[in-house]
Amino acid sequence: MKAKTISLKSGDLVLKSKKPRFIYSYQPAIHHGLSKQNIIHRLLRKPSEFKFLRTEPLNFQLNLMVIESSLPEVLSALLLISCSQKRKCLTELISILKDINPLNFNLANSQPYYELRIQNFLFLVLQENIVDSKPQDFSVPPPSINYNSKNIPGLEIQRIRSFLFENIILRCHLSEITIRSDNEISIPFDLAVN
């Protein structure tokens, strides 16, 4: 399959279809009687009290797992960091993610475990609709990105990764977080070009 050329402009949404949502559970005993605002405030202070359950739509999670089995957990941790630390830039978020290391990767050998998973996700999501599509085999080459005035040559994967991590943001809209009656909280996953 030939790589597609992608043009990225400030304000563009990365996920072309509806925003997928990450669903987390929380302990009702800890949050009993709290208002939506207070539960969200607690989320921002103590993201470790929330456990990732699934994504909606489910096909999004299945497609993430086809790309990399741990990708749903990686992105769910990234989203919680974005909401709790009020950070958007993927470079900053990935740095924090590596410090927390929620999947307990052996980072002693300096392998870019988290970076590679997120890079592969971005390469695919920029070229394919993985949110609503049925699970499939995603063996897609990295995109050839039209950088417009950005002074970066075309297909050098390291430079493409750096470009994406520095120019794509993960937005956490507190007003779009929903609390469900079954002790679940739903957070939209919203990527955009900065």
C-alpha atoms as a PDB file:
ATOM      1  CA  MET A   1       0.000   0.000   0.000  1.00  0.00           C
ATOM      2  CA  LYS A   2       1.391   3.400  -0.990  1.00  0.00           C
ATOM      3  CA  ALA A   3       1.668   6.132   1.656  1.00  0.00           C
ATOM      4  CA  LYS A   4      -0.746   9.026   1.330  1.00  0.00           C
ATOM      5  CA  THR A   5       0.364  12.632   1.330  1.00  0.00           C
ATOM      6  CA  ILE A   6      -1.234  14.580   4.152  1.00  0.00           C
ATOM      7  CA  SER A   7      -1.501  18.321   4.530  1.00  0.00           C
ATOM      8  CA  LEU A   8      -1.625  19.565   8.124  1.00  0.00           C
ATOM      9  CA  LYS A   9      -2.911  23.047   8.942  1.00  0.00           C
ATOM     10  CA  SER A  10      -3.405  24.680  12.324  1.00  0.00           C
ATOM     11  CA  GLY A  11      -6.841  23.909  13.732  1.00  0.00           C
ATOM     12  CA  ASP A  12      -7.361  20.746  11.658  1.00  0.00           C
ATOM     13  CA  LEU A  13      -8.931  17.853  13.519  1.00  0.00           C
ATOM     14  CA  VAL A  14      -6.827  14.717  13.352  1.00  0.00           C
ATOM     15  CA  LEU A  15      -9.711  12.301  13.910  1.00  0.00           C
ATOM     16  CA  LYS A  16     -11.932  13.006  10.932  1.00  0.00           C
ATOM     17  CA  SER A  17     -15.053  11.264  12.236  1.00  0.00           C
ATOM     18  CA  LYS A  18     -16.786  11.687  15.579  1.00  0.00           C
ATOM     19  CA  LYS A  19     -14.557  11.795  18.632  1.00  0.00           C
ATOM     20  CA  PRO A  20     -14.099   8.439  20.307  1.00  0.00           C
ATOM     21  CA  ARG A  21     -14.584   8.342  24.069  1.00  0.00           C
ATOM     22  CA  PHE A  22     -12.524   6.621  26.724  1.00  0.00           C
ATOM     23  CA  ILE A  23     -14.570   5.112  29.537  1.00  0.00           C
ATOM     24  CA  TYR A  24     -13.136   4.820  33.054  1.00  0.00           C
ATOM     25  CA  SER A  25     -14.599   3.392  36.243  1.00  0.00           C
ATOM     26  CA  TYR A  26     -14.296   5.044  39.608  1.00  0.00           C
ATOM     27  CA  GLN A  27     -14.941   3.931  43.179  1.00  0.00           C
ATOM     28  CA  PRO A  28     -18.435   5.006  44.246  1.00  0.00           C
ATOM     29  CA  ALA A  29     -17.426   4.892  47.926  1.00  0.00           C
ATOM     30  CA  ILE A  30     -14.728   7.493  47.299  1.00  0.00           C
ATOM     31  CA  HIS A  31     -16.995   9.700  45.204  1.00  0.00           C
ATOM     32  CA  HIS A  32     -20.368   9.054  46.907  1.00  0.00           C
ATOM     33  CA  GLY A  33     -22.551  12.134  46.928  1.00  0.00           C
ATOM     34  CA  LEU A  34     -20.135  14.291  44.963  1.00  0.00           C
ATOM     35  CA  SER A  35     -21.423  16.486  42.174  1.00  0.00           C
ATOM     36  CA  LYS A  36     -20.233  16.066  38.582  1.00  0.00           C
ATOM     37  CA  GLN A  37     -17.973  19.092  39.042  1.00  0.00           C
ATOM     38  CA  ASN A  38     -16.394  17.609  42.196  1.00  0.00           C
ATOM     39  CA  ILE A  39     -15.843  14.213  40.557  1.00  0.00           C
ATOM     40  CA  ILE A  40     -14.148  15.924  37.622  1.00  0.00           C
ATOM     41  CA  HIS A  41     -12.083  18.008  40.050  1.00  0.00           C
ATOM     42  CA  ARG A  42     -11.029  14.782  41.782  1.00  0.00           C
ATOM     43  CA  LEU A  43     -10.147  13.278  38.407  1.00  0.00           C
ATOM     44  CA  LEU A  44      -7.879  16.234  37.790  1.00  0.00           C
ATOM     45  CA  ARG A  45      -6.203  15.815  41.189  1.00  0.00           C
ATOM     46  CA  LYS A  46      -6.037  12.009  41.426  1.00  0.00           C
ATOM     47  CA  PRO A  47      -6.221  10.321  38.020  1.00  0.00           C
ATOM     48  CA  SER A  48      -4.929   7.080  39.587  1.00  0.00           C
ATOM     49  CA  GLU A  49      -8.407   6.581  41.158  1.00  0.00           C
ATOM     50  CA  PHE A  50      -9.832   6.004  37.675  1.00  0.00           C
ATOM     51  CA  LYS A  51      -9.456   2.699  35.839  1.00  0.00           C
ATOM     52  CA  PHE A  52      -9.664   2.408  32.057  1.00  0.00           C
ATOM     53  CA  LEU A  53     -12.501   0.106  30.932  1.00  0.00           C
ATOM     54  CA  ARG A  54     -13.079   0.515  27.195  1.00  0.00           C
ATOM     55  CA  THR A  55     -13.559   2.937  24.335  1.00  0.00           C
ATOM     56  CA  GLU A  56     -16.699   3.922  22.490  1.00  0.00           C
ATOM     57  CA  PRO A  57     -17.174   2.948  19.779  1.00  0.00           C
ATOM     58  CA  LEU A  58     -15.792  -0.502  20.482  1.00  0.00           C
ATOM     59  CA  ASN A  59     -14.395  -0.769  16.935  1.00  0.00           C
ATOM     60  CA  PHE A  60     -11.986   2.026  17.833  1.00  0.00           C
ATOM     61  CA  GLN A  61     -10.567  -0.055  20.677  1.00  0.00           C
ATOM     62  CA  LEU A  62     -10.383  -3.166  18.511  1.00  0.00           C
ATOM     63  CA  ASN A  63      -8.523  -1.227  15.822  1.00  0.00           C
ATOM     64  CA  LEU A  64      -6.134   0.169  18.421  1.00  0.00           C
ATOM     65  CA  MET A  65      -5.447  -3.369  19.582  1.00  0.00           C
ATOM     66  CA  VAL A  66      -4.738  -4.485  16.003  1.00  0.00           C
ATOM     67  CA  ILE A  67      -2.134  -1.718  15.733  1.00  0.00           C
ATOM     68  CA  GLU A  68      -0.641  -2.616  19.129  1.00  0.00           C
ATOM     69  CA  SER A  69      -2.292  -4.644  21.900  1.00  0.00           C
ATOM     70  CA  SER A  70      -1.350  -2.153  24.636  1.00  0.00           C
ATOM     71  CA  LEU A  71      -2.348   0.946  22.652  1.00  0.00           C
ATOM     72  CA  PRO A  72      -5.773   1.443  24.318  1.00  0.00           C
ATOM     73  CA  GLU A  73      -4.092   1.570  27.749  1.00  0.00           C
ATOM     74  CA  VAL A  74      -1.327   3.864  26.488  1.00  0.00           C
ATOM     75  CA  LEU A  75      -3.815   6.349  24.998  1.00  0.00           C
ATOM     76  CA  SER A  76      -6.109   6.165  28.036  1.00  0.00           C
ATOM     77  CA  ALA A  77      -3.169   7.060  30.302  1.00  0.00           C
ATOM     78  CA  LEU A  78      -2.183   9.868  27.928  1.00  0.00           C
ATOM     79  CA  LEU A  79      -5.735  11.250  28.054  1.00  0.00           C
ATOM     80  CA  LEU A  80      -5.825  11.195  31.867  1.00  0.00           C
ATOM     81  CA  ILE A  81      -2.486  12.996  31.976  1.00  0.00           C
ATOM     82  CA  SER A  82      -3.796  15.612  29.548  1.00  0.00           C
ATOM     83  CA  CYS A  83      -6.895  16.218  31.678  1.00  0.00           C
ATOM     84  CA  SER A  84      -5.156  16.186  35.062  1.00  0.00           C
ATOM     85  CA  GLN A  85      -2.051  18.169  34.113  1.00  0.00           C
ATOM     86  CA  LYS A  86      -3.804  20.529  31.697  1.00  0.00           C
ATOM     87  CA  ARG A  87      -1.200  19.831  29.042  1.00  0.00           C
ATOM     88  CA  LYS A  88      -1.872  19.434  25.343  1.00  0.00           C
ATOM     89  CA  CYS A  89       1.368  18.982  23.423  1.00  0.00           C
ATOM     90  CA  LEU A  90       2.158  15.330  22.734  1.00  0.00           C
ATOM     91  CA  THR A  91       5.868  15.883  23.408  1.00  0.00           C
ATOM     92  CA  GLU A  92       5.119  17.017  26.977  1.00  0.00           C
ATOM     93  CA  LEU A  93       2.452  14.370  27.525  1.00  0.00           C
ATOM     94  CA  ILE A  94       4.717  11.551  26.362  1.00  0.00           C
ATOM     95  CA  SER A  95       7.504  12.770  28.647  1.00  0.00           C
ATOM     96  CA  ILE A  96       5.129  12.616  31.636  1.00  0.00           C
ATOM     97  CA  LEU A  97       3.798   9.250  30.440  1.00  0.00           C
ATOM     98  CA  LYS A  98       7.341   7.851  30.404  1.00  0.00           C
ATOM     99  CA  ASP A  99       7.940   9.136  33.947  1.00  0.00           C
ATOM    100  CA  ILE A 100       4.736   7.485  35.193  1.00  0.00           C
ATOM    101  CA  ASN A 101       5.289   4.366  33.029  1.00  0.00           C
ATOM    102  CA  PRO A 102       1.793   2.908  33.562  1.00  0.00           C
ATOM    103  CA  LEU A 103       2.542  -0.257  31.577  1.00  0.00           C
ATOM    104  CA  ASN A 104       5.783  -0.881  33.479  1.00  0.00           C
ATOM    105  CA  PHE A 105       7.969  -1.114  30.401  1.00  0.00           C
ATOM    106  CA  ASN A 106      11.660  -1.632  31.084  1.00  0.00           C
ATOM    107  CA  LEU A 107      12.825   1.850  30.120  1.00  0.00           C
ATOM    108  CA  ALA A 108      16.415   1.263  31.274  1.00  0.00           C
ATOM    109  CA  ASN A 109      17.585   0.454  27.742  1.00  0.00           C
ATOM    110  CA  SER A 110      16.207   3.756  26.354  1.00  0.00           C
ATOM    111  CA  GLN A 111      13.839   2.062  23.922  1.00  0.00           C
ATOM    112  CA  PRO A 112      11.099   4.488  22.820  1.00  0.00           C
ATOM    113  CA  TYR A 113       8.224   2.150  23.772  1.00  0.00           C
ATOM    114  CA  TYR A 114       5.574   4.806  24.257  1.00  0.00           C
ATOM    115  CA  GLU A 115       6.808   6.997  21.420  1.00  0.00           C
ATOM    116  CA  LEU A 116       6.674   4.165  18.877  1.00  0.00           C
ATOM    117  CA  ARG A 117       3.147   3.135  19.860  1.00  0.00           C
ATOM    118  CA  ILE A 118       1.845   6.696  19.639  1.00  0.00           C
ATOM    119  CA  GLN A 119       3.781   7.320  16.420  1.00  0.00           C
ATOM    120  CA  ASN A 120       2.253   4.266  14.754  1.00  0.00           C
ATOM    121  CA  PHE A 121      -1.187   5.334  15.931  1.00  0.00           C
ATOM    122  CA  LEU A 122      -0.703   8.820  14.445  1.00  0.00           C
ATOM    123  CA  PHE A 123       0.658   7.477  11.155  1.00  0.00           C
ATOM    124  CA  LEU A 124      -2.475   5.395  10.773  1.00  0.00           C
ATOM    125  CA  VAL A 125      -5.079   7.779  12.093  1.00  0.00           C
ATOM    126  CA  LEU A 126      -3.878  10.472   9.694  1.00  0.00           C
ATOM    127  CA  GLN A 127      -4.458   8.112   6.764  1.00  0.00           C
ATOM    128  CA  GLU A 128      -7.386   5.933   7.785  1.00  0.00           C
ATOM    129  CA  ASN A 129     -10.669   6.216   9.671  1.00  0.00           C
ATOM    130  CA  ILE A 130      -9.966   3.852  12.550  1.00  0.00           C
ATOM    131  CA  VAL A 131     -12.685   5.197  14.839  1.00  0.00           C
ATOM    132  CA  ASP A 132     -15.768   3.738  13.174  1.00  0.00           C
ATOM    133  CA  SER A 133     -14.321   1.269  10.701  1.00  0.00           C
ATOM    134  CA  LYS A 134     -14.483  -2.457  11.300  1.00  0.00           C
ATOM    135  CA  PRO A 135     -11.315  -3.983  12.742  1.00  0.00           C
ATOM    136  CA  GLN A 136      -8.798  -4.658  10.006  1.00  0.00           C
ATOM    137  CA  ASP A 137      -5.147  -5.243   9.338  1.00  0.00           C
ATOM    138  CA  PHE A 138      -3.421  -1.886   9.468  1.00  0.00           C
ATOM    139  CA  SER A 139      -0.091  -2.293   7.749  1.00  0.00           C
ATOM    140  CA  VAL A 140       0.174   1.249   6.494  1.00  0.00           C
ATOM    141  CA  PRO A 141       3.463   2.986   5.731  1.00  0.00           C
ATOM    142  CA  PRO A 142       4.214   6.335   7.365  1.00  0.00           C
ATOM    143  CA  PRO A 143       2.537   9.245   5.607  1.00  0.00           C
ATOM    144  CA  SER A 144       4.309  11.654   3.348  1.00  0.00           C
ATOM    145  CA  ILE A 145       3.381  14.912   5.035  1.00  0.00           C
ATOM    146  CA  ASN A 146       3.006  18.184   3.160  1.00  0.00           C
ATOM    147  CA  TYR A 147       4.612  20.497   5.701  1.00  0.00           C
ATOM    148  CA  ASN A 148       3.713  23.639   3.761  1.00  0.00           C
ATOM    149  CA  SER A 149       6.263  26.153   5.034  1.00  0.00           C
ATOM    150  CA  LYS A 150       7.786  23.777   7.591  1.00  0.00           C
ATOM    151  CA  ASN A 151      11.400  23.163   6.634  1.00  0.00           C
ATOM    152  CA  ILE A 152      11.370  19.370   7.056  1.00  0.00           C
ATOM    153  CA  PRO A 153      12.105  16.834   4.314  1.00  0.00           C
ATOM    154  CA  GLY A 154       9.452  14.278   3.414  1.00  0.00           C
ATOM    155  CA  LEU A 155       9.879  10.692   4.577  1.00  0.00           C
ATOM    156  CA  GLU A 156      12.399  10.664   7.413  1.00  0.00           C
ATOM    157  CA  ILE A 157      10.458   8.818  10.084  1.00  0.00           C
ATOM    158  CA  GLN A 158      12.297  10.395  13.018  1.00  0.00           C
ATOM    159  CA  ARG A 159      11.578  13.883  11.713  1.00  0.00           C
ATOM    160  CA  ILE A 160       7.983  13.029  10.910  1.00  0.00           C
ATOM    161  CA  ARG A 161       7.538  11.723  14.465  1.00  0.00           C
ATOM    162  CA  SER A 162       9.084  14.863  15.946  1.00  0.00           C
ATOM    163  CA  PHE A 163       6.925  17.038  13.736  1.00  0.00           C
ATOM    164  CA  LEU A 164       3.740  15.204  14.752  1.00  0.00           C
ATOM    165  CA  PHE A 165       4.583  15.168  18.464  1.00  0.00           C
ATOM    166  CA  GLU A 166       5.321  18.902  18.421  1.00  0.00           C
ATOM    167  CA  ASN A 167       2.342  19.936  16.286  1.00  0.00           C
ATOM    168  CA  ILE A 168      -0.505  17.664  17.356  1.00  0.00           C
ATOM    169  CA  ILE A 169      -2.277  18.377  20.624  1.00  0.00           C
ATOM    170  CA  LEU A 170      -4.612  16.289  22.761  1.00  0.00           C
ATOM    171  CA  ARG A 171      -7.468  18.459  23.955  1.00  0.00           C
ATOM    172  CA  CYS A 172      -9.397  17.730  27.134  1.00  0.00           C
ATOM    173  CA  HIS A 173     -12.688  19.634  27.178  1.00  0.00           C
ATOM    174  CA  LEU A 174     -13.975  19.451  30.759  1.00  0.00           C
ATOM    175  CA  SER A 175     -17.442  20.447  29.594  1.00  0.00           C
ATOM    176  CA  GLU A 176     -17.598  17.311  27.407  1.00  0.00           C
ATOM    177  CA  ILE A 177     -16.755  14.882  30.219  1.00  0.00           C
ATOM    178  CA  THR A 178     -19.819  12.901  31.240  1.00  0.00           C
ATOM    179  CA  ILE A 179     -20.527  11.036  34.453  1.00  0.00           C
ATOM    180  CA  ARG A 180     -22.698   7.956  34.113  1.00  0.00           C
ATOM    181  CA  SER A 181     -24.928   6.422  36.738  1.00  0.00           C
ATOM    182  CA  ASP A 182     -23.023   3.122  36.648  1.00  0.00           C
ATOM    183  CA  ASN A 183     -19.877   4.662  38.219  1.00  0.00           C
ATOM    184  CA  GLU A 184     -18.315   5.401  34.869  1.00  0.00           C
ATOM    185  CA  ILE A 185     -16.817   8.573  33.508  1.00  0.00           C
ATOM    186  CA  SER A 186     -16.579   9.209  29.761  1.00  0.00           C
ATOM    187  CA  ILE A 187     -13.898  11.478  28.292  1.00  0.00           C
ATOM    188  CA  PRO A 188     -13.696  12.416  24.588  1.00  0.00           C
ATOM    189  CA  PHE A 189     -10.400  11.788  22.792  1.00  0.00           C
ATOM    190  CA  ASP A 190      -9.793  14.876  20.666  1.00  0.00           C
ATOM    191  CA  LEU A 191      -6.601  15.359  18.662  1.00  0.00           C
ATOM    192  CA  ALA A 192      -5.990  18.518  16.630  1.00  0.00           C
ATOM    193  CA  VAL A 193      -3.154  20.272  14.831  1.00  0.00           C
ATOM    194  CA  ASN A 194      -1.726  23.109  16.908  1.00  0.00           C
END
